[in-house]
N, C-alpha and C. Protein backbone atom coordinates (compact mmCIF):
# COMPACT_ATOMS: atom_id res chain seq x y z
N MET A 1 -15.60 32.40 -21.79
CA MET A 1 -16.43 31.59 -21.71
C MET A 1 -17.10 30.91 -20.29
N ALA A 2 -18.33 30.69 -20.16
CA ALA A 2 -18.78 29.86 -19.14
C ALA A 2 -18.56 28.30 -19.03
N ILE A 3 -18.36 28.27 -17.82
CA ILE A 3 -18.32 26.46 -18.09
C ILE A 3 -19.76 26.31 -18.07
N GLY A 4 -19.61 25.28 -18.78
CA GLY A 4 -21.29 24.53 -19.26
C GLY A 4 -20.84 23.11 -19.72
N GLY A 5 -22.10 22.47 -20.19
CA GLY A 5 -22.34 21.37 -21.08
C GLY A 5 -21.86 20.49 -19.89
N LEU A 6 -20.85 19.42 -20.75
CA LEU A 6 -20.42 18.54 -20.34
C LEU A 6 -19.18 18.56 -18.99
N LEU A 7 -18.82 19.98 -19.39
CA LEU A 7 -17.74 20.82 -18.21
C LEU A 7 -18.20 20.39 -16.62
N ILE A 8 -19.51 20.76 -16.72
CA ILE A 8 -20.15 20.65 -15.46
C ILE A 8 -20.15 18.92 -14.88
N LEU A 9 -20.24 18.13 -15.67
CA LEU A 9 -20.15 16.96 -15.14
C LEU A 9 -18.21 16.81 -14.54
N VAL A 10 -17.66 17.31 -15.48
CA VAL A 10 -16.04 17.13 -14.95
C VAL A 10 -15.92 17.99 -13.62
N GLY A 11 -16.63 19.16 -13.67
CA GLY A 11 -16.62 19.91 -12.41
C GLY A 11 -17.03 19.27 -11.31
N ILE A 12 -18.27 18.32 -11.39
CA ILE A 12 -18.59 17.69 -10.03
C ILE A 12 -17.65 16.80 -9.64
N GLY A 13 -17.30 15.68 -10.91
CA GLY A 13 -16.26 14.70 -10.53
C GLY A 13 -14.92 15.48 -9.96
N VAL A 14 -14.37 16.68 -10.27
CA VAL A 14 -13.24 17.39 -9.78
C VAL A 14 -13.68 17.59 -8.12
N VAL A 15 -14.73 18.21 -8.16
CA VAL A 15 -15.15 18.28 -6.34
C VAL A 15 -14.97 17.22 -5.65
N VAL A 16 -16.03 16.15 -6.16
CA VAL A 16 -16.09 15.22 -5.24
C VAL A 16 -14.73 14.11 -5.42
N GLY A 17 -13.74 14.21 -6.18
CA GLY A 17 -12.77 13.56 -6.26
C GLY A 17 -11.74 13.51 -5.15
N PRO A 18 -11.68 15.00 -4.42
CA PRO A 18 -10.89 14.34 -3.27
C PRO A 18 -11.52 14.04 -1.87
N LEU A 19 -12.69 13.72 -1.69
CA LEU A 19 -13.31 13.02 -1.09
C LEU A 19 -12.75 11.63 -1.26
N PHE A 20 -13.36 10.91 -2.16
CA PHE A 20 -12.99 9.57 -2.58
C PHE A 20 -11.49 9.22 -2.29
N GLY A 21 -10.40 10.17 -2.88
CA GLY A 21 -9.05 10.03 -2.88
C GLY A 21 -8.72 10.10 -1.40
N GLY A 22 -9.25 10.82 -0.52
CA GLY A 22 -9.05 10.90 0.71
C GLY A 22 -9.18 9.71 1.48
N CYS A 23 -10.68 8.89 1.26
CA CYS A 23 -11.01 7.68 1.85
C CYS A 23 -10.05 6.37 1.00
N ASN A 24 -9.57 6.29 -0.05
CA ASN A 24 -8.90 5.74 -0.53
C ASN A 24 -7.34 5.51 0.24
N LEU A 25 -6.84 6.66 0.59
CA LEU A 25 -5.53 6.92 1.03
C LEU A 25 -5.79 6.17 2.39
N TYR A 26 -6.90 6.66 3.36
CA TYR A 26 -7.33 6.21 4.35
C TYR A 26 -7.23 4.75 4.55
N GLN A 27 -7.88 3.96 3.50
CA GLN A 27 -7.95 2.46 3.69
C GLN A 27 -6.61 2.43 3.21
N ASP A 28 -5.80 2.48 2.62
CA ASP A 28 -3.97 2.09 2.11
C ASP A 28 -3.70 2.36 3.84
N LEU A 29 -3.75 3.51 4.10
CA LEU A 29 -2.83 3.47 5.38
C LEU A 29 -3.48 2.47 6.71
N ALA A 30 -4.88 2.34 6.47
CA ALA A 30 -5.38 1.21 7.60
C ALA A 30 -4.67 -0.21 7.29
N LEU A 31 -4.43 -0.51 5.91
CA LEU A 31 -3.73 -1.76 5.69
C LEU A 31 -2.36 -1.68 5.49
N VAL A 32 -1.85 -0.55 6.23
CA VAL A 32 -0.39 -0.68 6.52
C VAL A 32 -0.04 -1.35 7.50
N TYR A 33 -1.05 -0.90 8.45
CA TYR A 33 -1.10 -1.40 9.98
C TYR A 33 -1.85 -2.71 10.44
N ASP A 34 -2.24 -3.36 9.09
CA ASP A 34 -2.73 -4.45 9.43
C ASP A 34 -1.99 -5.73 9.66
N SER A 35 -2.17 -6.62 10.58
CA SER A 35 -1.35 -7.58 11.18
C SER A 35 -1.11 -8.66 10.01
N LYS A 36 -1.88 -8.89 9.26
CA LYS A 36 -1.96 -10.07 8.08
C LYS A 36 -0.82 -9.38 7.14
N LEU A 37 -1.25 -8.09 7.26
CA LEU A 37 -0.38 -7.54 5.83
C LEU A 37 1.27 -7.73 6.44
N GLN A 38 1.62 -7.46 7.87
CA GLN A 38 2.87 -7.04 8.43
C GLN A 38 3.43 -8.60 8.51
N MET A 39 2.56 -9.80 8.46
CA MET A 39 3.02 -11.14 8.41
C MET A 39 3.21 -11.59 7.13
N VAL A 40 2.66 -11.03 6.24
CA VAL A 40 2.93 -11.55 4.28
C VAL A 40 4.24 -10.35 4.10
N VAL A 41 4.49 -9.35 4.62
CA VAL A 41 5.60 -8.51 4.71
C VAL A 41 6.96 -9.42 4.78
N GLN A 42 6.74 -9.72 6.23
CA GLN A 42 7.91 -10.52 6.83
C GLN A 42 8.38 -11.69 5.89
N LEU A 43 7.23 -12.35 5.34
CA LEU A 43 7.60 -13.52 4.54
C LEU A 43 8.36 -13.50 2.91
N VAL A 44 7.55 -12.38 2.79
CA VAL A 44 8.19 -12.10 1.23
C VAL A 44 8.91 -10.20 1.38
N PRO A 45 9.97 -10.22 1.50
CA PRO A 45 10.69 -8.91 1.27
C PRO A 45 10.10 -8.12 0.28
N ALA A 46 9.94 -8.79 -0.76
CA ALA A 46 9.57 -7.47 -1.86
C ALA A 46 8.25 -6.72 -1.68
N TYR A 47 7.57 -7.62 -0.90
CA TYR A 47 6.02 -6.58 -0.96
C TYR A 47 6.07 -5.63 -0.14
N LYS A 48 7.13 -5.31 0.57
CA LYS A 48 7.30 -4.21 1.44
C LYS A 48 7.53 -3.29 0.68
N PHE A 49 8.29 -3.53 -0.43
CA PHE A 49 8.68 -2.45 -1.74
C PHE A 49 7.42 -2.23 -2.51
N ILE A 50 6.56 -3.08 -2.32
CA ILE A 50 5.49 -2.90 -3.21
C ILE A 50 4.40 -2.40 -3.03
N TYR A 51 4.32 -2.60 -1.21
CA TYR A 51 3.26 -1.45 -1.13
C TYR A 51 3.75 -0.31 -0.81
N GLY A 52 4.81 -0.30 -0.79
CA GLY A 52 5.48 1.33 -0.40
C GLY A 52 5.55 1.95 -1.76
N THR A 53 5.45 1.47 -2.92
CA THR A 53 5.17 2.06 -4.24
C THR A 53 3.91 2.45 -4.55
N SER A 54 2.92 1.44 -4.07
CA SER A 54 1.98 1.19 -4.45
C SER A 54 1.44 3.09 -3.52
N PHE A 55 2.04 2.82 -1.90
CA PHE A 55 1.35 3.69 -1.15
C PHE A 55 1.71 5.06 -1.86
N ALA A 56 3.01 5.27 -2.21
CA ALA A 56 3.58 6.50 -2.75
C ALA A 56 2.70 7.00 -4.10
N MET A 57 2.11 6.17 -4.83
CA MET A 57 1.42 6.36 -5.96
C MET A 57 0.13 6.78 -5.65
N ASP A 58 -0.41 6.39 -4.29
CA ASP A 58 -1.87 6.86 -4.11
C ASP A 58 -1.51 8.40 -3.67
N ILE A 59 -0.79 8.73 -2.96
CA ILE A 59 -0.04 10.00 -2.63
C ILE A 59 -0.09 10.70 -3.58
N ALA A 60 0.46 10.68 -4.66
CA ALA A 60 0.60 11.18 -5.84
C ALA A 60 -0.49 11.65 -6.70
N SER A 61 -1.40 10.23 -7.02
CA SER A 61 -2.69 10.75 -7.25
C SER A 61 -3.62 11.65 -6.24
N PHE A 62 -3.68 11.52 -4.91
CA PHE A 62 -4.32 12.47 -4.27
C PHE A 62 -3.75 13.72 -4.27
N ALA A 63 -2.69 13.86 -4.71
CA ALA A 63 -2.05 15.43 -4.70
C ALA A 63 -2.88 16.06 -6.24
N PHE A 64 -2.80 15.18 -7.16
CA PHE A 64 -3.49 15.44 -8.48
C PHE A 64 -4.86 15.73 -8.12
N VAL A 65 -5.59 14.94 -7.50
CA VAL A 65 -6.86 15.29 -7.09
C VAL A 65 -7.39 16.52 -6.57
N LEU A 66 -6.21 16.87 -5.40
CA LEU A 66 -6.17 18.17 -4.61
C LEU A 66 -6.06 19.19 -5.17
N LEU A 67 -5.05 18.98 -6.26
CA LEU A 67 -4.84 20.24 -7.46
C LEU A 67 -5.94 20.54 -8.49
N LEU A 68 -6.62 19.58 -8.91
CA LEU A 68 -7.41 19.61 -9.77
C LEU A 68 -8.60 20.77 -9.75
N PRO A 69 -9.25 20.93 -8.75
CA PRO A 69 -10.10 21.85 -8.35
C PRO A 69 -9.73 23.29 -8.40
N TYR A 70 -8.54 23.48 -7.87
CA TYR A 70 -7.90 24.79 -8.29
C TYR A 70 -7.71 24.81 -9.74
N LEU A 71 -7.04 24.09 -10.37
CA LEU A 71 -6.88 24.49 -12.19
C LEU A 71 -8.44 24.36 -12.45
N PHE A 72 -9.32 23.97 -12.16
CA PHE A 72 -10.55 24.01 -12.90
C PHE A 72 -11.12 25.42 -12.68
N PHE A 73 -11.14 25.60 -11.40
CA PHE A 73 -12.22 26.85 -10.91
C PHE A 73 -11.36 28.28 -11.18
N ALA A 74 -10.19 28.28 -11.43
CA ALA A 74 -9.19 29.10 -11.76
C ALA A 74 -8.95 29.51 -13.30
N ARG A 75 -9.89 28.06 -13.80
CA ARG A 75 -9.60 28.17 -15.58
C ARG A 75 -8.29 28.28 -16.01
N LYS A 76 -7.34 27.49 -15.57
CA LYS A 76 -6.00 27.47 -15.70
C LYS A 76 -5.68 26.86 -16.93
N ALA A 77 -4.58 27.17 -17.88
CA ALA A 77 -4.55 26.70 -19.38
C ALA A 77 -3.71 25.26 -19.22
N THR A 78 -3.65 24.99 -17.69
CA THR A 78 -3.02 23.58 -17.61
C THR A 78 -3.89 22.48 -17.29
N PHE A 79 -5.18 22.87 -16.85
CA PHE A 79 -6.29 21.72 -16.83
C PHE A 79 -6.59 20.86 -17.18
N PRO A 80 -6.37 20.69 -18.64
CA PRO A 80 -7.04 19.97 -19.77
C PRO A 80 -5.99 18.53 -19.33
N LYS A 81 -4.53 19.07 -19.58
CA LYS A 81 -3.21 18.29 -19.43
C LYS A 81 -3.06 17.75 -18.11
N VAL A 82 -3.39 18.34 -17.28
CA VAL A 82 -3.44 17.56 -15.83
C VAL A 82 -4.45 16.90 -15.35
N TYR A 83 -5.35 16.96 -16.17
CA TYR A 83 -6.66 16.04 -15.82
C TYR A 83 -6.31 14.97 -16.75
N ILE A 84 -6.11 14.75 -17.86
CA ILE A 84 -5.73 13.82 -18.76
C ILE A 84 -4.46 13.02 -18.06
N PHE A 85 -3.53 13.73 -17.49
CA PHE A 85 -2.57 12.67 -16.95
C PHE A 85 -2.91 12.04 -15.74
N SER A 86 -4.01 12.96 -14.80
CA SER A 86 -4.50 12.18 -13.66
C SER A 86 -5.49 10.96 -13.90
N LEU A 87 -6.19 11.04 -15.32
CA LEU A 87 -6.76 9.86 -15.72
C LEU A 87 -6.19 8.65 -16.13
N VAL A 88 -5.19 9.11 -16.59
CA VAL A 88 -3.94 8.05 -17.21
C VAL A 88 -3.37 7.35 -15.97
N PHE A 89 -3.13 8.07 -15.13
CA PHE A 89 -2.14 7.77 -13.88
C PHE A 89 -3.26 7.13 -12.89
N SER A 90 -4.46 7.21 -13.00
CA SER A 90 -5.34 6.48 -12.22
C SER A 90 -5.46 5.06 -12.96
N VAL A 91 -5.58 5.03 -13.97
CA VAL A 91 -5.67 3.62 -14.77
C VAL A 91 -4.16 2.95 -14.65
N ALA A 92 -3.40 3.27 -14.51
CA ALA A 92 -1.54 3.02 -14.72
C ALA A 92 -1.68 2.28 -13.25
N THR A 93 -1.80 2.94 -12.17
CA THR A 93 -1.25 2.53 -11.03
C THR A 93 -1.59 1.16 -10.80
N PRO A 94 -3.25 0.76 -10.85
CA PRO A 94 -3.40 -0.52 -10.38
C PRO A 94 -2.63 -1.57 -11.35
N VAL A 95 -2.11 -1.15 -12.24
CA VAL A 95 -1.33 -2.26 -13.61
C VAL A 95 -0.16 -2.30 -13.09
N ILE A 96 0.38 -1.27 -12.55
CA ILE A 96 1.80 -1.41 -12.17
C ILE A 96 2.03 -2.11 -10.90
N ALA A 97 0.76 -1.89 -10.13
CA ALA A 97 0.89 -2.89 -8.82
C ALA A 97 0.58 -4.27 -9.10
N VAL A 98 -0.36 -4.57 -10.38
CA VAL A 98 -0.72 -6.04 -10.66
C VAL A 98 0.88 -6.71 -11.13
N PHE A 99 1.48 -5.55 -11.91
CA PHE A 99 2.97 -6.50 -12.51
C PHE A 99 3.97 -6.43 -11.21
N LEU A 100 4.43 -5.65 -10.11
CA LEU A 100 5.14 -5.77 -9.15
C LEU A 100 4.75 -7.26 -8.61
N VAL A 101 3.19 -7.15 -8.29
CA VAL A 101 3.11 -8.42 -7.45
C VAL A 101 3.32 -9.91 -8.12
N THR A 102 3.37 -9.83 -9.65
CA THR A 102 3.22 -10.81 -10.12
C THR A 102 4.83 -11.16 -10.22
N ILE A 103 5.66 -10.10 -10.58
CA ILE A 103 7.13 -10.39 -10.15
C ILE A 103 7.63 -10.78 -9.30
N ALA A 104 6.95 -10.17 -7.96
CA ALA A 104 7.33 -10.70 -6.80
C ALA A 104 6.96 -12.08 -6.40
N ASN A 105 5.69 -12.51 -6.74
CA ASN A 105 5.39 -14.16 -6.91
C ASN A 105 6.16 -14.93 -7.55
N SER A 106 6.27 -14.87 -9.05
CA SER A 106 7.28 -15.62 -9.57
C SER A 106 8.71 -15.48 -8.67
N ILE A 107 9.28 -14.82 -8.12
CA ILE A 107 10.57 -14.87 -7.57
C ILE A 107 10.52 -15.47 -6.33
N TYR A 108 9.85 -14.85 -5.37
CA TYR A 108 9.67 -15.36 -3.79
C TYR A 108 8.78 -16.67 -3.72
N MET A 109 7.74 -17.05 -4.53
CA MET A 109 6.74 -18.07 -4.36
C MET A 109 6.83 -19.34 -5.16
N GLU A 110 7.77 -19.05 -5.96
CA GLU A 110 8.22 -20.24 -7.06
C GLU A 110 6.73 -20.11 -7.98
N GLY A 111 6.19 -19.21 -8.46
CA GLY A 111 5.11 -19.37 -9.61
C GLY A 111 4.07 -19.45 -8.97
N THR A 112 3.83 -19.19 -7.60
CA THR A 112 2.51 -19.31 -7.12
C THR A 112 1.57 -17.89 -7.12
N SER A 113 0.54 -17.93 -8.25
CA SER A 113 -0.21 -16.64 -8.17
C SER A 113 -1.41 -16.36 -7.66
N ASN A 114 -2.08 -16.82 -6.69
CA ASN A 114 -3.10 -16.76 -5.84
C ASN A 114 -3.08 -15.35 -5.33
N PHE A 115 -2.38 -14.80 -4.80
CA PHE A 115 -2.15 -13.39 -4.43
C PHE A 115 -2.50 -12.26 -5.81
N SER A 116 -1.81 -12.58 -6.60
CA SER A 116 -1.91 -12.13 -7.90
C SER A 116 -3.08 -12.09 -8.42
N ASP A 117 -3.46 -13.26 -8.40
CA ASP A 117 -5.16 -13.46 -9.08
C ASP A 117 -6.37 -12.52 -8.29
N ALA A 118 -5.82 -12.76 -7.25
CA ALA A 118 -6.74 -11.82 -6.18
C ALA A 118 -6.72 -10.66 -6.60
N LEU A 119 -5.37 -9.81 -6.58
CA LEU A 119 -5.23 -8.57 -6.75
C LEU A 119 -5.99 -8.47 -8.19
N GLN A 120 -6.04 -9.13 -9.21
CA GLN A 120 -6.28 -8.81 -10.27
C GLN A 120 -7.87 -8.38 -10.53
N LEU A 121 -8.61 -9.53 -9.94
CA LEU A 121 -9.65 -9.45 -9.90
C LEU A 121 -10.47 -8.30 -9.04
N LEU A 122 -9.37 -8.02 -8.08
CA LEU A 122 -9.82 -6.85 -6.90
C LEU A 122 -9.90 -5.36 -7.96
N ASN A 123 -8.79 -5.39 -8.76
CA ASN A 123 -8.50 -4.12 -9.84
C ASN A 123 -9.39 -4.16 -11.06
N ARG A 124 -10.27 -5.10 -11.19
CA ARG A 124 -10.83 -5.58 -12.88
C ARG A 124 -11.58 -4.50 -12.90
N ASN A 125 -12.50 -4.40 -11.64
CA ASN A 125 -13.51 -2.93 -11.79
C ASN A 125 -13.09 -1.59 -12.11
N SER A 126 -12.02 -1.11 -11.06
CA SER A 126 -11.60 0.09 -11.18
C SER A 126 -10.96 0.15 -12.69
N LEU A 127 -10.43 -0.57 -13.14
CA LEU A 127 -9.70 -0.96 -14.36
C LEU A 127 -10.24 -0.49 -15.42
N ILE A 128 -11.82 -1.20 -15.43
CA ILE A 128 -12.66 -0.94 -16.91
C ILE A 128 -13.22 0.45 -16.12
N ARG A 129 -13.79 0.85 -15.17
CA ARG A 129 -14.28 2.41 -14.92
C ARG A 129 -13.25 3.24 -15.41
N GLY A 130 -11.91 2.99 -15.01
CA GLY A 130 -10.75 4.04 -15.45
C GLY A 130 -10.55 4.09 -16.88
N ALA A 131 -10.68 2.64 -17.62
CA ALA A 131 -10.52 2.76 -19.01
C ALA A 131 -11.83 3.62 -19.81
N ILE A 132 -13.25 3.56 -19.16
CA ILE A 132 -14.28 4.15 -19.51
C ILE A 132 -13.82 5.53 -19.73
N LYS A 133 -13.90 6.15 -18.61
CA LYS A 133 -13.38 7.37 -18.12
C LYS A 133 -12.45 8.08 -19.07
N CYS A 134 -11.51 7.41 -19.31
CA CYS A 134 -10.39 7.70 -20.40
C CYS A 134 -10.79 7.52 -21.64
N CYS A 135 -11.79 7.00 -22.22
CA CYS A 135 -12.01 7.02 -23.61
C CYS A 135 -13.25 7.93 -23.53
N VAL A 136 -13.66 8.46 -22.46
CA VAL A 136 -15.00 9.64 -22.79
C VAL A 136 -14.26 10.92 -22.66
N TRP A 137 -13.58 11.02 -21.51
CA TRP A 137 -13.04 12.31 -21.34
C TRP A 137 -11.64 12.87 -22.09
N ILE A 138 -10.87 11.96 -22.41
CA ILE A 138 -9.25 12.48 -22.96
C ILE A 138 -10.00 12.97 -24.30
N PRO A 139 -10.62 12.12 -25.34
CA PRO A 139 -10.74 12.69 -26.56
C PRO A 139 -11.72 14.17 -26.25
N TYR A 140 -12.61 14.29 -25.26
CA TYR A 140 -13.33 15.84 -24.81
C TYR A 140 -12.34 16.93 -24.42
N MET A 141 -11.69 16.52 -23.90
CA MET A 141 -10.43 17.17 -23.33
C MET A 141 -9.75 17.76 -24.52
N CYS A 142 -9.18 16.89 -25.37
CA CYS A 142 -8.34 17.29 -26.57
C CYS A 142 -9.29 17.95 -27.60
N CYS A 143 -10.40 17.66 -27.95
CA CYS A 143 -11.08 17.96 -29.16
C CYS A 143 -12.27 19.04 -28.66
N SER A 144 -12.76 19.18 -27.33
CA SER A 144 -13.87 20.08 -27.25
C SER A 144 -13.68 21.73 -27.38
N SER A 145 -14.36 22.37 -28.47
CA SER A 145 -14.20 23.91 -28.29
C SER A 145 -14.76 24.53 -27.02
N ARG A 146 -15.35 23.68 -26.21
CA ARG A 146 -15.67 24.21 -24.97
C ARG A 146 -14.98 24.16 -24.02
N VAL A 147 -14.17 23.22 -24.07
CA VAL A 147 -12.73 23.37 -23.28
C VAL A 147 -11.78 24.33 -23.67
N LYS A 148 -11.49 24.20 -24.77
CA LYS A 148 -10.70 25.43 -25.53
C LYS A 148 -10.89 26.63 -25.42
N ASN A 149 -12.32 27.05 -25.28
CA ASN A 149 -12.69 28.22 -24.87
C ASN A 149 -12.81 28.74 -23.50
N ALA A 150 -12.73 27.69 -22.33
CA ALA A 150 -12.78 28.07 -21.16
C ALA A 150 -11.39 27.69 -20.42
N PHE A 151 -10.45 27.18 -21.18
CA PHE A 151 -8.99 26.83 -20.39
C PHE A 151 -8.13 27.24 -21.34
N VAL A 152 -8.29 27.26 -22.92
CA VAL A 152 -6.99 27.03 -23.32
C VAL A 152 -6.93 28.90 -23.77
N ARG A 153 -5.78 29.44 -23.66
CA ARG A 153 -6.16 30.97 -23.92
C ARG A 153 -4.63 31.52 -24.94
């Protein structure tokens, strides 16, 4: 069966995704070489682990984004599962980062949460967008007959 209906929107997102993923990875890499960040990392050693973990999660997310177009256009049966996992992973990544920063602040800065509050405000819009994407696309990938006909054999 041909790819059509709402799957066209998924296809557009899958094609455009690597561009945004590459930009995000570049911004994170530029942040690693920022002198202000280097000073913060020296003051709070746990931030080195946090930024390393965050960067590793961004690389994993970018790998999913690069894999999705192949799975989509080759109509692989694993596409819906990998797509759902990448949606959940994209929402979980900022939540994990906020959790790690909050723990580091409570240990090293004696409860100071200014940095954590700023990070939560920074990620609020992406969390809301990601949650909405999950609420729309996960049920569609699980229940749509078009998805089953196009990908599940």
